[in-house]
């Protein structure tokens, strides 16, 4: 019996008992669908994090009050709160003037504020306070107008760059540039509108107003910690730039060689490591839990195949009496059990993909489904079917043709 004939017979048997075949495959479908949904969400989140890290800027890292390790536990965070000091505007100036392997340094902080134009009010809008060079470091793009410049930052001008959604809600018609809005009661002139960024995890990224860092600090006070985005002169000097920034910060804080850093340096690698640690655990746990469904599905397939052998005893006897070998019978039943599982895996993948897309649309959660995981899902499900069909196929192949022909 050829492989094609075995597959053809397998699908003929599956289609002749559609409902039974579907119920048999529920365990496989559920297991594969769950794994694919989890993987799709995790991979989508990973892609989103990579995109955000890429938008930090080329060869960039961040100097801020806390490091990634400080958030590893409540104890670590409490200790860091006591040990770490605010990163100040003076620290930003020192890093900006350092030169050498450090190409540039930009500061940013923020708050929430009420924004108003005429009779339109927006409550709790994100206020981003940045130095002008953050535009280049983080690749901020304008759909209208421009970002603020160094002269406006140094003069503490009351100008702002607003998000596309902020602009749409405050100025549904007409030009946005040159308009005056109020941020916590203070008048700011709109000089630019940001390019639409969309949303992530159900939260918009276009509802914000950006103002010069110096202006923000003059209004809300300098006693707050800022984040400093630092870029290296080249990819080759990236590690040297990190060490240069660390050394400068330690010297400014007069730390002894034996003392821990009283600040944090966050790199894309550190963010990726934290992400992999968190979501890698979720993936492993999801695969472990859903593997139970696959085992149950395999047992159900084995049980149904045993029933099928019993039901088709006479058919097996006829096949063997007209020349079918044990290998042919074995191949036929293995093909049937494997085909069942592959069909279940394929249905599971389709269901999971549909669920992931619906979740992405409804909740604005990023999703992605790498082809390698689809391949793995189908290989695993077919493996489960193959293993589950071994005993029933062996039992069918060992049937005595004379005894089989006597079966009713």
Protein backbone atom coordinates (compact mmCIF):
# COMPACT_ATOMS: atom_id res chain seq x y z
CA UNK A 1 0.00 0.00 0.00
CA UNK A 2 1.38 3.38 -1.01
CA UNK A 3 1.49 6.38 1.32
CA UNK A 4 -1.09 8.16 -0.85
CA UNK A 5 -3.54 5.25 -0.63
CA UNK A 6 -3.10 5.10 3.16
CA UNK A 7 -3.86 8.83 3.51
CA UNK A 8 -6.84 8.52 1.16
CA UNK A 9 -8.32 5.67 3.19
CA UNK A 10 -7.64 7.57 6.42
CA UNK A 11 -9.58 10.66 5.31
CA UNK A 12 -12.41 8.51 3.93
CA UNK A 13 -12.75 6.92 7.38
CA UNK A 14 -12.60 10.30 9.15
CA UNK A 15 -15.27 11.81 6.88
CA UNK A 16 -17.56 8.82 7.31
CA UNK A 17 -17.79 9.59 11.06
CA UNK A 18 -17.60 13.41 11.13
CA UNK A 19 -19.14 14.05 14.55
CA UNK A 20 -17.18 11.28 16.25
CA UNK A 21 -13.97 12.48 14.64
CA UNK A 22 -14.59 16.07 15.77
CA UNK A 23 -15.35 15.04 19.36
CA UNK A 24 -12.22 12.88 19.31
CA UNK A 25 -10.11 15.87 18.34
CA UNK A 26 -11.39 18.35 20.97
CA UNK A 27 -8.42 17.70 23.26
CA UNK A 28 -5.92 18.25 20.43
CA UNK A 29 -7.79 21.35 19.20
CA UNK A 30 -7.97 22.89 22.67
CA UNK A 31 -4.32 22.17 23.46
CA UNK A 32 -2.94 23.53 20.17
CA UNK A 33 -5.27 26.57 20.18
CA UNK A 34 -4.24 27.56 23.71
CA UNK A 35 -0.53 27.30 22.96
CA UNK A 36 -0.87 29.29 19.73
CA UNK A 37 -2.95 32.05 21.39
CA UNK A 38 -0.39 32.46 24.19
CA UNK A 39 2.53 32.37 21.75
CA UNK A 40 0.82 34.88 19.46
CA UNK A 41 0.26 37.35 22.31
CA UNK A 42 3.78 36.93 23.70
CA UNK A 43 5.42 37.25 20.28
CA UNK A 44 3.30 40.31 19.53
CA UNK A 45 4.35 41.90 22.80
CA UNK A 46 7.99 41.05 22.09
CA UNK A 47 7.74 42.72 18.69
CA UNK A 48 6.15 45.78 20.29
CA UNK A 49 8.92 46.01 22.92
CA UNK A 50 11.56 45.65 20.20
CA UNK A 51 9.90 48.46 18.25
CA UNK A 52 9.83 50.73 21.29
CA UNK A 53 13.46 49.91 22.10
CA UNK A 54 14.41 50.68 18.51
CA UNK A 55 12.65 54.03 18.87
CA UNK A 56 14.87 54.92 21.83
CA UNK A 57 17.50 55.68 19.25
CA UNK A 58 20.59 54.22 17.69
CA UNK A 59 23.23 53.19 20.24
CA UNK A 60 21.12 54.65 23.08
CA UNK A 61 20.74 53.85 26.77
CA UNK A 62 19.04 55.55 29.68
CA UNK A 63 20.40 56.95 32.96
CA UNK A 64 17.66 57.18 35.58
CA UNK A 65 16.99 56.83 39.27
CA UNK A 66 16.20 53.11 39.24
CA UNK A 67 17.61 50.19 37.27
CA UNK A 68 15.77 47.15 35.92
CA UNK A 69 17.21 45.02 38.77
CA UNK A 70 15.68 47.40 41.36
CA UNK A 71 12.21 46.26 40.27
CA UNK A 72 12.98 42.55 40.71
CA UNK A 73 11.37 42.50 44.17
CA UNK A 74 9.72 44.73 46.75
CA UNK A 75 12.80 44.45 48.98
CA UNK A 76 15.12 45.57 46.16
CA UNK A 77 12.86 48.49 45.27
CA UNK A 78 12.60 49.68 48.88
CA UNK A 79 16.38 49.48 49.25
CA UNK A 80 16.85 51.42 46.00
CA UNK A 81 14.44 54.14 47.15
CA UNK A 82 16.63 54.72 50.21
CA UNK A 83 19.95 54.44 48.35
CA UNK A 84 19.30 56.06 44.97
CA UNK A 85 19.18 59.80 44.48
CA UNK A 86 17.27 61.82 41.92
CA UNK A 87 18.87 62.24 38.51
CA UNK A 88 19.06 66.02 38.09
CA UNK A 89 19.22 68.62 35.36
CA UNK A 90 22.86 69.19 36.38
CA UNK A 91 23.58 65.51 35.68
CA UNK A 92 22.12 66.02 32.21
CA UNK A 93 24.34 69.03 31.59
CA UNK A 94 27.44 67.12 32.76
CA UNK A 95 26.72 64.19 30.42
CA UNK A 96 25.91 66.54 27.52
CA UNK A 97 29.29 68.28 27.87
CA UNK A 98 31.29 65.07 28.34
CA UNK A 99 32.01 64.42 24.67
CA UNK A 100 34.34 61.63 23.59
CA UNK A 101 32.52 58.31 23.28
CA UNK A 102 29.31 60.00 24.48
CA UNK A 103 27.74 61.61 21.43
CA UNK A 104 24.69 63.25 22.98
CA UNK A 105 22.43 63.28 26.04
CA UNK A 106 18.81 64.41 26.30
CA UNK A 107 16.60 64.74 29.35
CA UNK A 108 12.95 63.97 29.88
CA UNK A 109 10.38 63.83 32.64
CA UNK A 110 6.65 64.34 32.81
CA UNK A 111 3.41 64.68 34.66
CA UNK A 112 -0.35 64.68 34.11
CA UNK A 113 -2.29 67.87 33.50
CA UNK A 114 -5.63 69.23 32.33
CA UNK A 115 -5.52 70.74 28.83
CA UNK A 116 -8.07 73.25 27.59
CA UNK A 117 -8.89 75.14 24.41
CA UNK A 118 -11.98 77.34 24.40
CA UNK A 119 -14.83 75.28 25.81
CA UNK A 120 -13.07 71.95 25.15
CA UNK A 121 -11.26 70.32 28.07
CA UNK A 122 -9.14 67.18 28.28
CA UNK A 123 -8.48 65.79 31.75
CA UNK A 124 -5.30 64.02 32.88
CA UNK A 125 -3.37 64.38 29.64
CA UNK A 126 0.23 63.17 29.66
CA UNK A 127 2.69 66.07 29.69
CA UNK A 128 6.08 65.10 28.26
CA UNK A 129 8.89 67.45 29.19
CA UNK A 130 11.98 66.90 27.03
CA UNK A 131 15.11 68.61 25.89
CA UNK A 132 14.99 69.49 22.15
CA UNK A 133 17.52 66.80 21.12
CA UNK A 134 15.13 64.05 22.25
CA UNK A 135 13.47 64.59 18.85
CA UNK A 136 16.57 63.19 17.14
CA UNK A 137 17.44 60.60 19.80
CA UNK A 138 13.95 59.03 19.87
CA UNK A 139 13.13 59.75 16.19
CA UNK A 140 10.04 61.87 16.89
CA UNK A 141 8.24 62.82 13.67
CA UNK A 142 5.86 65.72 13.05
CA UNK A 143 2.81 65.59 10.79
CA UNK A 144 2.45 69.38 11.05
CA UNK A 145 4.85 72.08 12.14
CA UNK A 146 8.00 71.21 14.09
CA UNK A 147 9.45 70.22 17.43
CA UNK A 148 10.80 72.94 19.74
CA UNK A 149 14.41 74.04 19.38
CA UNK A 150 17.28 74.75 21.80
CA UNK A 151 16.68 78.52 21.83
CA UNK A 152 13.09 77.96 23.00
CA UNK A 153 14.23 75.53 25.67
CA UNK A 154 16.94 77.87 26.96
CA UNK A 155 14.52 80.82 27.01
CA UNK A 156 11.88 78.68 28.76
CA UNK A 157 9.35 79.53 26.09
CA UNK A 158 5.73 78.47 26.55
CA UNK A 159 5.48 76.42 23.35
CA UNK A 160 4.21 72.87 22.90
CA UNK A 161 4.20 69.94 20.50
CA UNK A 162 0.98 67.92 20.75
CA UNK A 163 -0.12 64.39 19.88
CA UNK A 164 -2.41 63.72 16.92
CA UNK A 165 -5.34 62.66 19.13
CA UNK A 166 -4.93 65.71 21.35
CA UNK A 167 -5.00 67.88 18.22
CA UNK A 168 -8.07 66.07 16.85
CA UNK A 169 -10.05 66.55 20.06
CA UNK A 170 -9.06 70.16 20.66
CA UNK A 171 -9.09 71.31 17.02
CA UNK A 172 -11.43 69.10 14.98
CA UNK A 173 -11.35 71.62 12.11
CA UNK A 174 -8.95 74.23 10.84
CA UNK A 175 -5.24 74.71 11.39
CA UNK A 176 -3.69 73.62 14.68
CA UNK A 177 -0.45 75.58 14.41
CA UNK A 178 -0.27 78.92 16.22
CA UNK A 179 -3.28 78.13 18.41
CA UNK A 180 -3.00 78.79 22.15
CA UNK A 181 -4.01 76.09 24.62
CA UNK A 182 -3.96 76.09 28.41
CA UNK A 183 -2.01 73.44 30.32
CA UNK A 184 -2.99 73.56 33.99
CA UNK A 185 -4.17 77.11 33.40
CA UNK A 186 -0.97 78.32 31.66
CA UNK A 187 -1.04 79.42 28.02
CA UNK A 188 1.11 77.52 25.50
CA UNK A 189 1.41 78.08 21.75
CA UNK A 190 1.10 75.00 19.53
CA UNK A 191 4.09 74.81 17.16
CA UNK A 192 3.76 71.19 15.98
CA UNK A 193 1.61 68.06 15.85
CA UNK A 194 3.11 64.57 16.16
CA UNK A 195 2.73 61.82 13.61
CA UNK A 196 0.06 59.27 14.58
CA UNK A 197 1.50 56.42 16.68
CA UNK A 198 -1.64 54.35 17.24
CA UNK A 199 -2.41 52.46 20.43
CA UNK A 200 -0.91 49.60 22.42
CA UNK A 201 -2.63 47.33 24.95
CA UNK A 202 -5.76 49.42 24.63
CA UNK A 203 -3.98 52.67 25.51
CA UNK A 204 -3.54 55.48 23.02
CA UNK A 205 -0.04 56.81 22.36
CA UNK A 206 -1.28 60.01 20.72
CA UNK A 207 -2.87 61.77 23.69
CA UNK A 208 -0.04 63.96 24.97
CA UNK A 209 1.51 67.39 24.97
CA UNK A 210 5.28 67.94 24.91
CA UNK A 211 6.88 71.07 26.31
CA UNK A 212 10.53 72.17 26.73
CA UNK A 213 12.22 70.57 29.75
CA UNK A 214 13.46 73.91 31.13
CA UNK A 215 9.96 75.35 30.89
CA UNK A 216 8.52 72.37 32.73
CA UNK A 217 11.08 72.55 35.54
CA UNK A 218 10.49 76.29 35.97
CA UNK A 219 6.77 75.63 36.42
CA UNK A 220 6.68 72.41 38.42
CA UNK A 221 10.00 72.72 40.23
CA UNK A 222 13.43 71.15 39.85
CA UNK A 223 13.13 68.79 42.82
CA UNK A 224 12.21 65.77 40.74
CA UNK A 225 14.14 62.99 39.03
CA UNK A 226 14.56 63.06 35.27
CA UNK A 227 15.53 60.35 32.81
CA UNK A 228 18.56 60.95 30.59
CA UNK A 229 18.78 59.32 27.15
CA UNK A 230 22.44 58.95 26.17
CA UNK A 231 23.81 57.95 22.77
CA UNK A 232 27.29 56.69 21.92
CA UNK A 233 29.45 58.04 19.11
CA UNK A 234 29.30 54.68 17.29
CA UNK A 235 28.17 51.07 17.78
CA UNK A 236 31.77 50.12 18.59
CA UNK A 237 31.95 52.63 21.48
CA UNK A 238 28.53 51.74 22.94
CA UNK A 239 29.92 49.75 25.89
CA UNK A 240 32.58 52.39 26.51
CA UNK A 241 29.89 55.10 26.56
CA UNK A 242 27.94 53.18 29.20
CA UNK A 243 31.04 52.87 31.37
CA UNK A 244 31.90 56.53 30.79
CA UNK A 245 28.41 57.59 31.91
CA UNK A 246 28.57 55.28 34.93
CA UNK A 247 31.98 56.66 35.95
CA UNK A 248 30.81 60.26 35.57
CA UNK A 249 27.69 59.65 37.67
CA UNK A 250 29.67 57.87 40.38
CA UNK A 251 32.21 60.71 40.54
CA UNK A 252 29.42 63.30 40.78
CA UNK A 253 27.89 61.36 43.66
CA UNK A 254 31.25 60.75 45.34
CA UNK A 255 30.75 56.99 45.59
CA UNK A 256 33.51 54.77 46.93
CA UNK A 257 34.70 51.85 44.74
CA UNK A 258 33.01 49.38 47.13
CA UNK A 259 29.65 51.20 47.05
CA UNK A 260 26.83 50.24 44.72
CA UNK A 261 25.57 52.62 42.04
CA UNK A 262 23.02 55.06 43.46
CA UNK A 263 21.38 55.36 40.03
CA UNK A 264 20.29 53.05 37.23
CA UNK A 265 21.50 52.49 33.69
CA UNK A 266 18.90 50.84 31.47
CA UNK A 267 19.95 49.33 28.16
CA UNK A 268 17.86 47.57 25.46
CA UNK A 269 19.57 44.29 26.45
CA UNK A 270 18.41 44.72 30.05
CA UNK A 271 14.83 45.35 28.91
CA UNK A 272 14.95 42.31 26.62
CA UNK A 273 16.35 40.16 29.40
CA UNK A 274 13.53 41.18 31.75
CA UNK A 275 10.96 40.62 29.02
CA UNK A 276 12.32 37.16 28.19
CA UNK A 277 12.41 36.26 31.87
CA UNK A 278 8.77 37.20 32.44
CA UNK A 279 7.20 35.99 29.21
CA UNK A 280 9.51 33.01 28.82
CA UNK A 281 8.07 31.71 32.08
CA UNK A 282 4.54 32.34 30.81
CA UNK A 283 5.26 30.44 27.60
CA UNK A 284 6.74 27.47 29.47
CA UNK A 285 3.81 27.39 31.91
CA UNK A 286 1.28 27.61 29.07
CA UNK A 287 2.94 24.82 27.13
CA UNK A 288 3.13 22.68 30.29
CA UNK A 289 -0.57 23.15 31.08
CA UNK A 290 -1.77 22.64 27.52
CA UNK A 291 0.37 19.54 27.12
CA UNK A 292 -2.10 17.87 29.47
CA UNK A 293 -4.82 18.53 26.88
CA UNK A 294 -2.61 16.99 24.20
CA UNK A 295 -2.04 13.89 26.34
CA UNK A 296 -5.77 13.58 26.97
CA UNK A 297 -6.38 14.08 23.24
CA UNK A 298 -3.88 11.33 22.47
CA UNK A 299 -5.62 8.94 24.86
CA UNK A 300 -9.00 9.70 23.26
CA UNK A 301 -7.54 9.07 19.79
CA UNK A 302 -6.10 5.74 20.98
CA UNK A 303 -9.47 4.76 22.45
CA UNK A 304 -11.36 5.66 19.28
CA UNK A 305 -8.84 3.83 17.13
CA UNK A 306 -9.29 0.70 19.29
CA UNK A 307 -13.05 1.01 18.80
CA UNK A 308 -12.45 1.45 15.07
CA UNK A 309 -10.35 -1.72 14.96
CA UNK A 310 -13.16 -3.62 16.68
CA UNK A 311 -15.79 -2.18 14.33
CA UNK A 312 -13.72 -2.97 11.23
CA UNK A 313 -12.47 -6.42 12.18
CA UNK A 314 -14.25 -8.04 9.26
CA UNK A 315 -12.95 -5.37 6.85
CA UNK A 316 -9.42 -6.07 8.08
CA UNK A 317 -9.98 -9.80 7.55
CA UNK A 318 -11.12 -9.22 3.96
CA UNK A 319 -8.10 -7.01 3.21
CA UNK A 320 -5.68 -9.57 4.62
CA UNK A 321 -7.38 -12.45 2.81
CA UNK A 322 -6.92 -10.75 -0.56
CA UNK A 323 -3.23 -10.07 0.00
CA UNK A 324 -2.85 -7.13 2.36
CA UNK A 325 0.27 -7.52 4.50
CA UNK A 326 0.61 -6.70 8.17
CA UNK A 327 2.65 -3.66 7.17
CA UNK A 328 -0.23 -2.43 4.98
CA UNK A 329 -2.77 -2.70 7.81
CA UNK A 330 -0.32 -1.08 10.22
CA UNK A 331 0.28 1.78 7.78
CA UNK A 332 -3.45 2.27 7.23
CA UNK A 333 -4.32 2.73 10.93
CA UNK A 334 -1.24 4.81 11.70
CA UNK A 335 -2.13 7.09 8.79
CA UNK A 336 -5.67 7.42 10.15
CA UNK A 337 -4.61 8.32 13.71
CA UNK A 338 -1.95 10.75 12.45
CA UNK A 339 -4.36 12.38 10.00
CA UNK A 340 -6.90 12.84 12.80
CA UNK A 341 -4.35 14.63 14.96
CA UNK A 342 -3.03 16.80 12.10
CA UNK A 343 -6.57 17.90 11.24
CA UNK A 344 -7.13 18.73 14.91
CA UNK A 345 -3.89 20.69 15.06
CA UNK A 346 -4.80 22.62 11.90
CA UNK A 347 -8.24 23.48 13.29
CA UNK A 348 -6.59 24.57 16.55
CA UNK A 349 -4.18 26.87 14.68
CA UNK A 350 -7.02 28.48 12.69
CA UNK A 351 -9.14 29.00 15.82
CA UNK A 352 -6.18 30.43 17.75
CA UNK A 353 -5.22 32.78 14.92
CA UNK A 354 -8.82 34.05 14.71
CA UNK A 355 -9.00 34.58 18.48
CA UNK A 356 -5.67 36.43 18.50
CA UNK A 357 -6.81 38.74 15.70
CA UNK A 358 -10.13 39.47 17.46
CA UNK A 359 -8.27 40.25 20.71
CA UNK A 360 -5.87 42.52 18.78
CA UNK A 361 -8.77 44.45 17.22
CA UNK A 362 -10.97 44.70 20.33
CA UNK A 363 -8.30 45.36 22.97
CA UNK A 364 -5.54 46.87 20.77
CA UNK A 365 -3.13 44.19 21.98
CA UNK A 366 -0.28 43.47 19.53
CA UNK A 367 -0.16 39.89 18.24
CA UNK A 368 2.18 37.97 15.96
CA UNK A 369 2.28 34.35 14.86
CA UNK A 370 5.65 33.12 13.59
CA UNK A 371 5.48 30.34 10.99
CA UNK A 372 7.89 28.27 13.06
CA UNK A 373 5.31 27.93 15.86
CA UNK A 374 2.61 26.84 13.41
CA UNK A 375 5.01 24.20 12.11
CA UNK A 376 5.87 23.06 15.64
CA UNK A 377 2.17 22.83 16.56
CA UNK A 378 1.40 20.63 13.55
CA UNK A 379 4.47 18.43 14.11
CA UNK A 380 3.62 17.92 17.79
CA UNK A 381 -0.04 17.15 17.08
CA UNK A 382 0.90 14.67 14.33
CA UNK A 383 3.42 13.10 16.72
CA UNK A 384 0.71 12.68 19.35
CA UNK A 385 -1.54 11.03 16.74
CA UNK A 386 1.23 8.74 15.53
CA UNK A 387 2.14 7.59 19.05
CA UNK A 388 -1.52 7.14 20.00
CA UNK A 389 -2.16 5.00 16.93
CA UNK A 390 0.74 2.60 17.41
CA UNK A 391 -1.03 0.11 19.71
CA UNK A 392 -4.39 0.06 17.83
CA UNK A 393 -2.53 -0.30 14.50
CA UNK A 394 -0.36 -3.10 15.88
CA UNK A 395 -3.48 -4.85 17.22
CA UNK A 396 -5.19 -4.55 13.82
CA UNK A 397 -2.10 -5.83 11.98
CA UNK A 398 -1.88 -8.90 14.24
CA UNK A 399 -5.48 -10.00 13.63
CA UNK A 400 -5.84 -13.50 12.21
CA UNK A 401 -7.67 -13.13 8.83
CA UNK A 402 -9.80 -16.27 9.39
CA UNK A 403 -10.91 -15.16 12.86
CA UNK A 404 -11.47 -11.64 11.53
CA UNK A 405 -13.74 -12.91 8.74
CA UNK A 406 -15.90 -14.72 11.30
CA UNK A 407 -16.51 -11.47 13.23
CA UNK A 408 -19.95 -9.96 13.06
